[in-house]
Amino acid sequence: MASVDVTSPTKVKFDADDVVDKQKQRQPPTQRYDRKEVQKRLDIEQWMDDQLKRLFGCQSDMETYPELDLDDVMKIEDSNREHKLEEYLRDCILPAEVPAFIKELLEKLQTVKPS
């Protein structure tokens, strides 16, 4: 248990049981994960969000549209992924652009490591 030295308000003494092995301490997320991989995932998620807004005709951030989660898409079997995405996007207002969106999304997914 920690104890505070009342003669000096800036000193804190720890018992031996309170000291945690530095290797067991949690690392910040930027050290646990590859920063480039995290940024790549964020970029793809932002791209997906922008494309979905466009496909569903959202003019403002206040309008709702079906959201698509990158991790959920990656969990779908490769052989079934395109079909599931087509089903998901069947109600969009720009159906002619759905195949191009799906193709580009599938290409982007190949560059991402599974979580």
PDB file of N, CA and C in Angstrom:
ATOM      1  N   MET A   1       0.836  -1.171   0.000  1.00  0.00           N
ATOM      2  CA  MET A   1       0.000   0.000   0.000  1.00  0.00           C
ATOM      3  C   MET A   1       0.880   1.233   0.000  1.00  0.00           C
ATOM      4  N   ALA A   2       0.482   2.285  -0.661  1.00  0.00           N
ATOM      5  CA  ALA A   2       1.261   3.515  -0.732  1.00  0.00           C
ATOM      6  C   ALA A   2       1.035   4.332   0.531  1.00  0.00           C
ATOM      7  N   SER A   3       2.075   5.005   0.946  1.00  0.00           N
ATOM      8  CA  SER A   3       1.945   5.909   2.091  1.00  0.00           C
ATOM      9  C   SER A   3       2.573   7.237   1.723  1.00  0.00           C
ATOM     10  N   VAL A   4       1.980   8.305   2.195  1.00  0.00           N
ATOM     11  CA  VAL A   4       2.461   9.648   1.891  1.00  0.00           C
ATOM     12  C   VAL A   4       3.267  10.154   3.072  1.00  0.00           C
ATOM     13  N   ASP A   5       4.429  10.703   2.785  1.00  0.00           N
ATOM     14  CA  ASP A   5       5.286  11.310   3.814  1.00  0.00           C
ATOM     15  C   ASP A   5       4.709  12.689   4.101  1.00  0.00           C
ATOM     16  N   VAL A   6       4.167  12.883   5.302  1.00  0.00           N
ATOM     17  CA  VAL A   6       3.503  14.141   5.635  1.00  0.00           C
ATOM     18  C   VAL A   6       4.479  15.304   5.751  1.00  0.00           C
ATOM     19  N   THR A   7       5.754  15.049   5.922  1.00  0.00           N
ATOM     20  CA  THR A   7       6.723  16.141   6.020  1.00  0.00           C
ATOM     21  C   THR A   7       7.050  16.705   4.642  1.00  0.00           C
ATOM     22  N   SER A   8       6.848  15.929   3.629  1.00  0.00           N
ATOM     23  CA  SER A   8       7.112  16.387   2.275  1.00  0.00           C
ATOM     24  C   SER A   8       5.953  15.955   1.384  1.00  0.00           C
ATOM     25  N   PRO A   9       5.103  16.877   0.966  1.00  0.00           N
ATOM     26  CA  PRO A   9       3.909  16.517   0.209  1.00  0.00           C
ATOM     27  C   PRO A   9       4.208  15.938  -1.180  1.00  0.00           C
ATOM     28  N   THR A  10       5.441  16.023  -1.647  1.00  0.00           N
ATOM     29  CA  THR A  10       5.742  15.504  -2.980  1.00  0.00           C
ATOM     30  C   THR A  10       6.305  14.095  -2.962  1.00  0.00           C
ATOM     31  N   LYS A  11       6.544  13.523  -1.780  1.00  0.00           N
ATOM     32  CA  LYS A  11       7.103  12.184  -1.700  1.00  0.00           C
ATOM     33  C   LYS A  11       6.011  11.156  -1.419  1.00  0.00           C
ATOM     34  N   VAL A  12       6.043  10.087  -2.165  1.00  0.00           N
ATOM     35  CA  VAL A  12       5.140   8.965  -1.945  1.00  0.00           C
ATOM     36  C   VAL A  12       6.008   7.726  -1.859  1.00  0.00           C
ATOM     37  N   LYS A  13       5.811   6.940  -0.793  1.00  0.00           N
ATOM     38  CA  LYS A  13       6.579   5.718  -0.610  1.00  0.00           C
ATOM     39  C   LYS A  13       5.673   4.535  -0.907  1.00  0.00           C
ATOM     40  N   PHE A  14       6.199   3.560  -1.643  1.00  0.00           N
ATOM     41  CA  PHE A  14       5.444   2.367  -1.982  1.00  0.00           C
ATOM     42  C   PHE A  14       6.022   1.167  -1.259  1.00  0.00           C
ATOM     43  N   ASP A  15       5.132   0.310  -0.801  1.00  0.00           N
ATOM     44  CA  ASP A  15       5.570  -0.961  -0.248  1.00  0.00           C
ATOM     45  C   ASP A  15       6.028  -1.832  -1.403  1.00  0.00           C
ATOM     46  N   ALA A  16       6.773  -2.851  -1.122  1.00  0.00           N
ATOM     47  CA  ALA A  16       7.289  -3.744  -2.159  1.00  0.00           C
ATOM     48  C   ALA A  16       6.158  -4.401  -2.949  1.00  0.00           C
ATOM     49  N   ASP A  17       5.007  -4.653  -2.329  1.00  0.00           N
ATOM     50  CA  ASP A  17       3.883  -5.295  -3.010  1.00  0.00           C
ATOM     51  C   ASP A  17       3.221  -4.368  -4.030  1.00  0.00           C
ATOM     52  N   ASP A  18       3.404  -3.064  -3.868  1.00  0.00           N
ATOM     53  CA  ASP A  18       2.760  -2.103  -4.760  1.00  0.00           C
ATOM     54  C   ASP A  18       3.529  -1.895  -6.060  1.00  0.00           C
ATOM     55  N   VAL A  19       4.770  -2.234  -6.070  1.00  0.00           N
ATOM     56  CA  VAL A  19       5.581  -1.997  -7.257  1.00  0.00           C
ATOM     57  C   VAL A  19       5.276  -3.093  -8.277  1.00  0.00           C
ATOM     58  N   VAL A  20       4.861  -2.689  -9.456  1.00  0.00           N
ATOM     59  CA  VAL A  20       4.485  -3.626 -10.507  1.00  0.00           C
ATOM     60  C   VAL A  20       5.665  -3.780 -11.458  1.00  0.00           C
ATOM     61  N   ASP A  21       5.910  -5.002 -11.822  1.00  0.00           N
ATOM     62  CA  ASP A  21       6.973  -5.278 -12.784  1.00  0.00           C
ATOM     63  C   ASP A  21       6.688  -4.477 -14.057  1.00  0.00           C
ATOM     64  N   LYS A  22       7.663  -3.710 -14.515  1.00  0.00           N
ATOM     65  CA  LYS A  22       7.457  -2.828 -15.662  1.00  0.00           C
ATOM     66  C   LYS A  22       7.043  -3.583 -16.915  1.00  0.00           C
ATOM     67  N   GLN A  23       7.470  -4.820 -17.046  1.00  0.00           N
ATOM     68  CA  GLN A  23       7.098  -5.588 -18.232  1.00  0.00           C
ATOM     69  C   GLN A  23       5.625  -5.974 -18.207  1.00  0.00           C
ATOM     70  N   LYS A  24       5.030  -6.022 -17.037  1.00  0.00           N
ATOM     71  CA  LYS A  24       3.623  -6.389 -16.934  1.00  0.00           C
ATOM     72  C   LYS A  24       2.698  -5.188 -17.071  1.00  0.00           C
ATOM     73  N   GLN A  25       3.258  -3.990 -17.015  1.00  0.00           N
ATOM     74  CA  GLN A  25       2.423  -2.809 -17.146  1.00  0.00           C
ATOM     75  C   GLN A  25       1.867  -2.746 -18.566  1.00  0.00           C
ATOM     76  N   ARG A  26       0.690  -2.200 -18.668  1.00  0.00           N
ATOM     77  CA  ARG A  26       0.066  -2.084 -19.991  1.00  0.00           C
ATOM     78  C   ARG A  26       0.771  -1.002 -20.787  1.00  0.00           C
ATOM     79  N   GLN A  27       1.044  -1.318 -22.006  1.00  0.00           N
ATOM     80  CA  GLN A  27       1.660  -0.350 -22.891  1.00  0.00           C
ATOM     81  C   GLN A  27       0.566   0.499 -23.528  1.00  0.00           C
ATOM     82  N   PRO A  28       0.895   1.723 -23.895  1.00  0.00           N
ATOM     83  CA  PRO A  28      -0.097   2.534 -24.607  1.00  0.00           C
ATOM     84  C   PRO A  28      -0.451   1.873 -25.936  1.00  0.00           C
ATOM     85  N   PRO A  29      -1.654   2.130 -26.448  1.00  0.00           N
ATOM     86  CA  PRO A  29      -2.088   1.474 -27.689  1.00  0.00           C
ATOM     87  C   PRO A  29      -1.130   1.670 -28.856  1.00  0.00           C
ATOM     88  N   THR A  30      -0.476   2.811 -28.929  1.00  0.00           N
ATOM     89  CA  THR A  30       0.437   3.040 -30.050  1.00  0.00           C
ATOM     90  C   THR A  30       1.649   2.128 -29.995  1.00  0.00           C
ATOM     91  N   GLN A  31       1.951   1.565 -28.830  1.00  0.00           N
ATOM     92  CA  GLN A  31       3.063   0.635 -28.726  1.00  0.00           C
ATOM     93  C   GLN A  31       2.592  -0.805 -28.875  1.00  0.00           C
ATOM     94  N   ARG A  32       1.353  -1.089 -28.505  1.00  0.00           N
ATOM     95  CA  ARG A  32       0.826  -2.449 -28.616  1.00  0.00           C
ATOM     96  C   ARG A  32       0.530  -2.808 -30.059  1.00  0.00           C
ATOM     97  N   TYR A  33       0.137  -1.823 -30.839  1.00  0.00           N
ATOM     98  CA  TYR A  33      -0.236  -2.067 -32.222  1.00  0.00           C
ATOM     99  C   TYR A  33       0.679  -1.270 -33.140  1.00  0.00           C
ATOM    100  N   ASP A  34       0.813  -1.764 -34.331  1.00  0.00           N
ATOM    101  CA  ASP A  34       1.587  -1.074 -35.338  1.00  0.00           C
ATOM    102  C   ASP A  34       0.853   0.215 -35.712  1.00  0.00           C
ATOM    103  N   ARG A  35       1.497   1.335 -35.499  1.00  0.00           N
ATOM    104  CA  ARG A  35       0.859   2.632 -35.750  1.00  0.00           C
ATOM    105  C   ARG A  35       0.395   2.759 -37.200  1.00  0.00           C
ATOM    106  N   LYS A  36       1.186   2.262 -38.140  1.00  0.00           N
ATOM    107  CA  LYS A  36       0.809   2.348 -39.555  1.00  0.00           C
ATOM    108  C   LYS A  36      -0.444   1.521 -39.823  1.00  0.00           C
ATOM    109  N   GLU A  37      -0.532   0.367 -39.183  1.00  0.00           N
ATOM    110  CA  GLU A  37      -1.706  -0.495 -39.371  1.00  0.00           C
ATOM    111  C   GLU A  37      -2.957   0.170 -38.793  1.00  0.00           C
ATOM    112  N   VAL A  38      -2.824   0.793 -37.634  1.00  0.00           N
ATOM    113  CA  VAL A  38      -3.957   1.496 -37.028  1.00  0.00           C
ATOM    114  C   VAL A  38      -4.400   2.632 -37.940  1.00  0.00           C
ATOM    115  N   GLN A  39      -3.448   3.385 -38.465  1.00  0.00           N
ATOM    116  CA  GLN A  39      -3.784   4.498 -39.352  1.00  0.00           C
ATOM    117  C   GLN A  39      -4.441   3.998 -40.643  1.00  0.00           C
ATOM    118  N   LYS A  40      -3.958   2.885 -41.171  1.00  0.00           N
ATOM    119  CA  LYS A  40      -4.532   2.310 -42.383  1.00  0.00           C
ATOM    120  C   LYS A  40      -5.995   1.936 -42.138  1.00  0.00           C
ATOM    121  N   ARG A  41      -6.267   1.313 -40.993  1.00  0.00           N
ATOM    122  CA  ARG A  41      -7.636   0.926 -40.653  1.00  0.00           C
ATOM    123  C   ARG A  41      -8.524   2.159 -40.507  1.00  0.00           C
ATOM    124  N   LEU A  42      -8.010   3.187 -39.852  1.00  0.00           N
ATOM    125  CA  LEU A  42      -8.785   4.424 -39.689  1.00  0.00           C
ATOM    126  C   LEU A  42      -9.089   5.069 -41.042  1.00  0.00           C
ATOM    127  N   ASP A  43      -8.098   5.070 -41.930  1.00  0.00           N
ATOM    128  CA  ASP A  43      -8.299   5.641 -43.263  1.00  0.00           C
ATOM    129  C   ASP A  43      -9.377   4.875 -44.025  1.00  0.00           C
ATOM    130  N   ILE A  44      -9.354   3.554 -43.946  1.00  0.00           N
ATOM    131  CA  ILE A  44     -10.358   2.748 -44.638  1.00  0.00           C
ATOM    132  C   ILE A  44     -11.739   2.988 -44.035  1.00  0.00           C
ATOM    133  N   GLU A  45     -11.821   3.059 -42.708  1.00  0.00           N
ATOM    134  CA  GLU A  45     -13.109   3.310 -42.066  1.00  0.00           C
ATOM    135  C   GLU A  45     -13.664   4.678 -42.460  1.00  0.00           C
ATOM    136  N   GLN A  46     -12.803   5.683 -42.550  1.00  0.00           N
ATOM    137  CA  GLN A  46     -13.251   7.018 -42.961  1.00  0.00           C
ATOM    138  C   GLN A  46     -13.711   6.992 -44.419  1.00  0.00           C
ATOM    139  N   TRP A  47     -12.962   6.296 -45.263  1.00  0.00           N
ATOM    140  CA  TRP A  47     -13.349   6.169 -46.666  1.00  0.00           C
ATOM    141  C   TRP A  47     -14.711   5.476 -46.781  1.00  0.00           C
ATOM    142  N   MET A  48     -14.891   4.376 -46.032  1.00  0.00           N
ATOM    143  CA  MET A  48     -16.165   3.651 -46.051  1.00  0.00           C
ATOM    144  C   MET A  48     -17.305   4.567 -45.625  1.00  0.00           C
ATOM    145  N   ASP A  49     -17.081   5.311 -44.566  1.00  0.00           N
ATOM    146  CA  ASP A  49     -18.108   6.211 -44.049  1.00  0.00           C
ATOM    147  C   ASP A  49     -18.490   7.254 -45.107  1.00  0.00           C
ATOM    148  N   ASP A  50     -17.489   7.852 -45.745  1.00  0.00           N
ATOM    149  CA  ASP A  50     -17.756   8.852 -46.785  1.00  0.00           C
ATOM    150  C   ASP A  50     -18.515   8.243 -47.960  1.00  0.00           C
ATOM    151  N   GLN A  51     -18.117   7.043 -48.376  1.00  0.00           N
ATOM    152  CA  GLN A  51     -18.774   6.379 -49.500  1.00  0.00           C
ATOM    153  C   GLN A  51     -20.217   6.002 -49.160  1.00  0.00           C
ATOM    154  N   LEU A  52     -20.442   5.530 -47.946  1.00  0.00           N
ATOM    155  CA  LEU A  52     -21.805   5.161 -47.546  1.00  0.00           C
ATOM    156  C   LEU A  52     -22.711   6.383 -47.502  1.00  0.00           C
ATOM    157  N   LYS A  53     -22.190   7.486 -47.022  1.00  0.00           N
ATOM    158  CA  LYS A  53     -22.985   8.730 -47.020  1.00  0.00           C
ATOM    159  C   LYS A  53     -23.384   9.092 -48.448  1.00  0.00           C
ATOM    160  N   ARG A  54     -22.434   8.968 -49.359  1.00  0.00           N
ATOM    161  CA  ARG A  54     -22.698   9.295 -50.761  1.00  0.00           C
ATOM    162  C   ARG A  54     -23.689   8.303 -51.370  1.00  0.00           C
ATOM    163  N   LEU A  55     -23.493   7.009 -51.141  1.00  0.00           N
ATOM    164  CA  LEU A  55     -24.374   5.990 -51.715  1.00  0.00           C
ATOM    165  C   LEU A  55     -25.807   6.088 -51.204  1.00  0.00           C
ATOM    166  N   PHE A  56     -25.959   6.547 -49.967  1.00  0.00           N
ATOM    167  CA  PHE A  56     -27.306   6.663 -49.383  1.00  0.00           C
ATOM    168  C   PHE A  56     -27.844   8.087 -49.450  1.00  0.00           C
ATOM    169  N   GLY A  57     -27.118   8.977 -50.123  1.00  0.00           N
ATOM    170  CA  GLY A  57     -27.600  10.330 -50.374  1.00  0.00           C
ATOM    171  C   GLY A  57     -27.681  11.226 -49.161  1.00  0.00           C
ATOM    172  N   CYS A  58     -26.807  11.054 -48.206  1.00  0.00           N
ATOM    173  CA  CYS A  58     -26.817  11.891 -47.009  1.00  0.00           C
ATOM    174  C   CYS A  58     -26.115  13.213 -47.305  1.00  0.00           C
ATOM    175  N   GLN A  59     -26.824  14.308 -47.083  1.00  0.00           N
ATOM    176  CA  GLN A  59     -26.267  15.629 -47.347  1.00  0.00           C
ATOM    177  C   GLN A  59     -25.619  16.249 -46.113  1.00  0.00           C
ATOM    178  N   SER A  60     -26.027  15.786 -44.931  1.00  0.00           N
ATOM    179  CA  SER A  60     -25.463  16.349 -43.699  1.00  0.00           C
ATOM    180  C   SER A  60     -25.093  15.214 -42.747  1.00  0.00           C
ATOM    181  N   ASP A  61     -24.331  15.555 -41.725  1.00  0.00           N
ATOM    182  CA  ASP A  61     -23.939  14.569 -40.725  1.00  0.00           C
ATOM    183  C   ASP A  61     -25.109  14.147 -39.843  1.00  0.00           C
ATOM    184  N   MET A  62     -26.186  14.902 -39.889  1.00  0.00           N
ATOM    185  CA  MET A  62     -27.346  14.608 -39.046  1.00  0.00           C
ATOM    186  C   MET A  62     -28.221  13.504 -39.655  1.00  0.00           C
ATOM    187  N   GLU A  63     -28.099  13.272 -40.938  1.00  0.00           N
ATOM    188  CA  GLU A  63     -28.893  12.235 -41.595  1.00  0.00           C
ATOM    189  C   GLU A  63     -28.329  10.864 -41.255  1.00  0.00           C
ATOM    190  N   THR A  64     -29.218   9.919 -41.115  1.00  0.00           N
ATOM    191  CA  THR A  64     -28.775   8.572 -40.772  1.00  0.00           C
ATOM    192  C   THR A  64     -28.666   7.704 -42.024  1.00  0.00           C
ATOM    193  N   TYR A  65     -27.809   6.749 -41.955  1.00  0.00           N
ATOM    194  CA  TYR A  65     -27.604   5.786 -43.024  1.00  0.00           C
ATOM    195  C   TYR A  65     -27.073   4.523 -42.374  1.00  0.00           C
ATOM    196  N   PRO A  66     -27.216   3.396 -43.004  1.00  0.00           N
ATOM    197  CA  PRO A  66     -26.703   2.155 -42.412  1.00  0.00           C
ATOM    198  C   PRO A  66     -25.176   2.220 -42.290  1.00  0.00           C
ATOM    199  N   GLU A  67     -24.685   1.928 -41.125  1.00  0.00           N
ATOM    200  CA  GLU A  67     -23.242   1.945 -40.915  1.00  0.00           C
ATOM    201  C   GLU A  67     -22.674   0.561 -41.181  1.00  0.00           C
ATOM    202  N   LEU A  68     -21.435   0.544 -41.602  1.00  0.00           N
ATOM    203  CA  LEU A  68     -20.751  -0.685 -41.929  1.00  0.00           C
ATOM    204  C   LEU A  68     -19.456  -0.709 -41.131  1.00  0.00           C
ATOM    205  N   ASP A  69     -19.269  -1.743 -40.325  1.00  0.00           N
ATOM    206  CA  ASP A  69     -18.092  -1.835 -39.475  1.00  0.00           C
ATOM    207  C   ASP A  69     -17.012  -2.658 -40.169  1.00  0.00           C
ATOM    208  N   LEU A  70     -15.811  -2.120 -40.214  1.00  0.00           N
ATOM    209  CA  LEU A  70     -14.701  -2.787 -40.887  1.00  0.00           C
ATOM    210  C   LEU A  70     -14.454  -4.177 -40.305  1.00  0.00           C
ATOM    211  N   ASP A  71     -14.444  -4.303 -38.999  1.00  0.00           N
ATOM    212  CA  ASP A  71     -14.201  -5.603 -38.367  1.00  0.00           C
ATOM    213  C   ASP A  71     -15.294  -6.609 -38.709  1.00  0.00           C
ATOM    214  N   ASP A  72     -16.538  -6.145 -38.759  1.00  0.00           N
ATOM    215  CA  ASP A  72     -17.642  -7.044 -39.126  1.00  0.00           C
ATOM    216  C   ASP A  72     -17.498  -7.537 -40.562  1.00  0.00           C
ATOM    217  N   VAL A  73     -17.098  -6.646 -41.453  1.00  0.00           N
ATOM    218  CA  VAL A  73     -16.905  -7.033 -42.848  1.00  0.00           C
ATOM    219  C   VAL A  73     -15.774  -8.052 -42.957  1.00  0.00           C
ATOM    220  N   MET A  74     -14.716  -7.846 -42.199  1.00  0.00           N
ATOM    221  CA  MET A  74     -13.567  -8.752 -42.258  1.00  0.00           C
ATOM    222  C   MET A  74     -13.890 -10.133 -41.681  1.00  0.00           C
ATOM    223  N   LYS A  75     -14.890 -10.218 -40.819  1.00  0.00           N
ATOM    224  CA  LYS A  75     -15.276 -11.501 -40.225  1.00  0.00           C
ATOM    225  C   LYS A  75     -16.089 -12.370 -41.178  1.00  0.00           C
ATOM    226  N   ILE A  76     -16.651 -11.752 -42.212  1.00  0.00           N
ATOM    227  CA  ILE A  76     -17.432 -12.513 -43.188  1.00  0.00           C
ATOM    228  C   ILE A  76     -16.466 -13.340 -44.037  1.00  0.00           C
ATOM    229  N   GLU A  77     -16.844 -14.574 -44.322  1.00  0.00           N
ATOM    230  CA  GLU A  77     -16.009 -15.437 -45.166  1.00  0.00           C
ATOM    231  C   GLU A  77     -15.749 -14.754 -46.496  1.00  0.00           C
ATOM    232  N   ASP A  78     -14.533 -14.910 -47.001  1.00  0.00           N
ATOM    233  CA  ASP A  78     -14.158 -14.278 -48.270  1.00  0.00           C
ATOM    234  C   ASP A  78     -15.116 -14.624 -49.398  1.00  0.00           C
ATOM    235  N   SER A  79     -15.505 -15.878 -49.471  1.00  0.00           N
ATOM    236  CA  SER A  79     -16.370 -16.330 -50.561  1.00  0.00           C
ATOM    237  C   SER A  79     -17.778 -15.735 -50.481  1.00  0.00           C
ATOM    238  N   ASN A  80     -18.183 -15.291 -49.316  1.00  0.00           N
ATOM    239  CA  ASN A  80     -19.539 -14.787 -49.097  1.00  0.00           C
ATOM    240  C   ASN A  80     -19.575 -13.262 -48.937  1.00  0.00           C
ATOM    241  N   ARG A  81     -18.419 -12.648 -48.839  1.00  0.00           N
ATOM    242  CA  ARG A  81     -18.321 -11.219 -48.504  1.00  0.00           C
ATOM    243  C   ARG A  81     -19.007 -10.321 -49.535  1.00  0.00           C
ATOM    244  N   GLU A  82     -18.736 -10.545 -50.804  1.00  0.00           N
ATOM    245  CA  GLU A  82     -19.312  -9.684 -51.845  1.00  0.00           C
ATOM    246  C   GLU A  82     -20.841  -9.763 -51.840  1.00  0.00           C
ATOM    247  N   HIS A  83     -21.379 -10.967 -51.715  1.00  0.00           N
ATOM    248  CA  HIS A  83     -22.839 -11.154 -51.685  1.00  0.00           C
ATOM    249  C   HIS A  83     -23.459 -10.438 -50.479  1.00  0.00           C
ATOM    250  N   LYS A  84     -22.839 -10.575 -49.322  1.00  0.00           N
ATOM    251  CA  LYS A  84     -23.364  -9.926 -48.111  1.00  0.00           C
ATOM    252  C   LYS A  84     -23.346  -8.405 -48.250  1.00  0.00           C
ATOM    253  N   LEU A  85     -22.278  -7.873 -48.845  1.00  0.00           N
ATOM    254  CA  LEU A  85     -22.196  -6.424 -49.044  1.00  0.00           C
ATOM    255  C   LEU A  85     -23.279  -5.952 -50.021  1.00  0.00           C
ATOM    256  N   GLU A  86     -23.532  -6.714 -51.062  1.00  0.00           N
ATOM    257  CA  GLU A  86     -24.596  -6.367 -52.013  1.00  0.00           C
ATOM    258  C   GLU A  86     -25.951  -6.325 -51.317  1.00  0.00           C
ATOM    259  N   GLU A  87     -26.212  -7.310 -50.467  1.00  0.00           N
ATOM    260  CA  GLU A  87     -27.472  -7.329 -49.699  1.00  0.00           C
ATOM    261  C   GLU A  87     -27.571  -6.113 -48.794  1.00  0.00           C
ATOM    262  N   TYR A  88     -26.488  -5.789 -48.152  1.00  0.00           N
ATOM    263  CA  TYR A  88     -26.460  -4.670 -47.214  1.00  0.00           C
ATOM    264  C   TYR A  88     -26.745  -3.343 -47.923  1.00  0.00           C
ATOM    265  N   LEU A  89     -26.261  -3.220 -49.147  1.00  0.00           N
ATOM    266  CA  LEU A  89     -26.359  -1.955 -49.883  1.00  0.00           C
ATOM    267  C   LEU A  89     -27.529  -1.901 -50.863  1.00  0.00           C
ATOM    268  N   ARG A  90     -28.423  -2.863 -50.830  1.00  0.00           N
ATOM    269  CA  ARG A  90     -29.487  -2.935 -51.828  1.00  0.00           C
ATOM    270  C   ARG A  90     -30.454  -1.747 -51.781  1.00  0.00           C
ATOM    271  N   ASP A  91     -30.551  -1.049 -50.653  1.00  0.00           N
ATOM    272  CA  ASP A  91     -31.493   0.067 -50.530  1.00  0.00           C
ATOM    273  C   ASP A  91     -30.858   1.433 -50.787  1.00  0.00           C
ATOM    274  N   CYS A  92     -29.630   1.461 -51.250  1.00  0.00           N
ATOM    275  CA  CYS A  92     -28.981   2.756 -51.467  1.00  0.00           C
ATOM    276  C   CYS A  92     -29.600   3.453 -52.685  1.00  0.00           C
ATOM    277  N   ILE A  93     -29.393   4.764 -52.792  1.00  0.00           N
ATOM    278  CA  ILE A  93     -30.005   5.516 -53.889  1.00  0.00           C
ATOM    279  C   ILE A  93     -29.136   5.518 -55.153  1.00  0.00           C
ATOM    280  N   LEU A  94     -27.929   5.002 -55.066  1.00  0.00           N
ATOM    281  CA  LEU A  94     -27.028   4.937 -56.219  1.00  0.00           C
ATOM    282  C   LEU A  94     -26.608   3.482 -56.485  1.00  0.00           C
ATOM    283  N   PRO A  95     -27.561   2.620 -56.847  1.00  0.00           N
ATOM    284  CA  PRO A  95     -27.231   1.196 -57.007  1.00  0.00           C
ATOM    285  C   PRO A  95     -26.203   0.917 -58.096  1.00  0.00           C
ATOM    286  N   ALA A  96     -26.087   1.773 -59.085  1.00  0.00           N
ATOM    287  CA  ALA A  96     -25.118   1.549 -60.156  1.00  0.00           C
ATOM    288  C   ALA A  96     -23.682   1.668 -59.657  1.00  0.00           C
ATOM    289  N   GLU A  97     -23.488   2.360 -58.539  1.00  0.00           N
ATOM    290  CA  GLU A  97     -22.141   2.568 -58.007  1.00  0.00           C
ATOM    291  C   GLU A  97     -21.741   1.537 -56.948  1.00  0.00           C
ATOM    292  N   VAL A  98     -22.656   0.668 -56.586  1.00  0.00           N
ATOM    293  CA  VAL A  98     -22.382  -0.339 -55.565  1.00  0.00           C
ATOM    294  C   VAL A  98     -21.271  -1.306 -55.983  1.00  0.00           C
ATOM    295  N   PRO A  99     -21.282  -1.855 -57.209  1.00  0.00           N
ATOM    296  CA  PRO A  99     -20.203  -2.782 -57.579  1.00  0.00           C
ATOM    297  C   PRO A  99     -18.807  -2.159 -57.478  1.00  0.00           C
ATOM    298  N   ALA A 100     -18.668  -0.902 -57.881  1.00  0.00           N
ATOM    299  CA  ALA A 100     -17.363  -0.227 -57.799  1.00  0.00           C
ATOM    300  C   ALA A 100     -16.951  -0.039 -56.339  1.00  0.00           C
ATOM    301  N   PHE A 101     -17.908   0.311 -55.477  1.00  0.00           N
ATOM    302  CA  PHE A 101     -17.622   0.465 -54.051  1.00  0.00           C
ATOM    303  C   PHE A 101     -17.159  -0.861 -53.458  1.00  0.00           C
ATOM    304  N   ILE A 102     -17.887  -1.926 -53.760  1.00  0.00           N
ATOM    305  CA  ILE A 102     -17.545  -3.243 -53.215  1.00  0.00           C
ATOM    306  C   ILE A 102     -16.174  -3.684 -53.711  1.00  0.00           C
ATOM    307  N   LYS A 103     -15.911  -3.495 -54.989  1.00  0.00           N
ATOM    308  CA  LYS A 103     -14.618  -3.890 -55.552  1.00  0.00           C
ATOM    309  C   LYS A 103     -13.476  -3.152 -54.845  1.00  0.00           C
ATOM    310  N   GLU A 104     -13.622  -1.850 -54.690  1.00  0.00           N
ATOM    311  CA  GLU A 104     -12.560  -1.070 -54.043  1.00  0.00           C
ATOM    312  C   GLU A 104     -12.420  -1.448 -52.574  1.00  0.00           C
ATOM    313  N   LEU A 105     -13.536  -1.686 -51.891  1.00  0.00           N
ATOM    314  CA  LEU A 105     -13.483  -2.087 -50.488  1.00  0.00           C
ATOM    315  C   LEU A 105     -12.758  -3.423 -50.336  1.00  0.00           C
ATOM    316  N   LEU A 106     -13.078  -4.381 -51.192  1.00  0.00           N
ATOM    317  CA  LEU A 106     -12.424  -5.691 -51.117  1.00  0.00           C
ATOM    318  C   LEU A 106     -10.924  -5.576 -51.387  1.00  0.00           C
ATOM    319  N   GLU A 107     -10.545  -4.683 -52.279  1.00  0.00           N
ATOM    320  CA  GLU A 107      -9.119  -4.456 -52.534  1.00  0.00           C
ATOM    321  C   GLU A 107      -8.446  -3.863 -51.297  1.00  0.00           C
ATOM    322  N   LYS A 108      -9.108  -2.916 -50.656  1.00  0.00           N
ATOM    323  CA  LYS A 108      -8.557  -2.287 -49.452  1.00  0.00           C
ATOM    324  C   LYS A 108      -8.452  -3.294 -48.305  1.00  0.00           C
ATOM    325  N   LEU A 109      -9.407  -4.203 -48.194  1.00  0.00           N
ATOM    326  CA  LEU A 109      -9.397  -5.197 -47.130  1.00  0.00           C
ATOM    327  C   LEU A 109      -8.191  -6.134 -47.234  1.00  0.00           C
ATOM    328  N   GLN A 110      -7.718  -6.348 -48.449  1.00  0.00           N
ATOM    329  CA  GLN A 110      -6.565  -7.234 -48.637  1.00  0.00           C
ATOM    330  C   GLN A 110      -5.281  -6.633 -48.057  1.00  0.00           C
ATOM    331  N   THR A 111      -5.270  -5.321 -47.846  1.00  0.00           N
ATOM    332  CA  THR A 111      -4.080  -4.660 -47.321  1.00  0.00           C
ATOM    333  C   THR A 111      -4.076  -4.575 -45.802  1.00  0.00           C
ATOM    334  N   VAL A 112      -5.176  -5.003 -45.168  1.00  0.00           N
ATOM    335  CA  VAL A 112      -5.319  -4.868 -43.714  1.00  0.00           C
ATOM    336  C   VAL A 112      -5.112  -6.220 -43.035  1.00  0.00           C
ATOM    337  N   LYS A 113      -4.386  -6.193 -41.939  1.00  0.00           N
ATOM    338  CA  LYS A 113      -4.204  -7.407 -41.141  1.00  0.00           C
ATOM    339  C   LYS A 113      -5.467  -7.643 -40.332  1.00  0.00           C
ATOM    340  N   PRO A 114      -5.901  -8.897 -40.219  1.00  0.00           N
ATOM    341  CA  PRO A 114      -7.080  -9.192 -39.388  1.00  0.00           C
ATOM    342  C   PRO A 114      -6.796  -8.840 -37.925  1.00  0.00           C
ATOM    343  N   SER A 115      -7.836  -8.361 -37.252  1.00  0.00           N
ATOM    344  CA  SER A 115      -7.640  -7.985 -35.833  1.00  0.00           C
ATOM    345  C   SER A 115      -7.826  -9.156 -34.910  1.00  0.00           C
TER     346      SER A 115
END
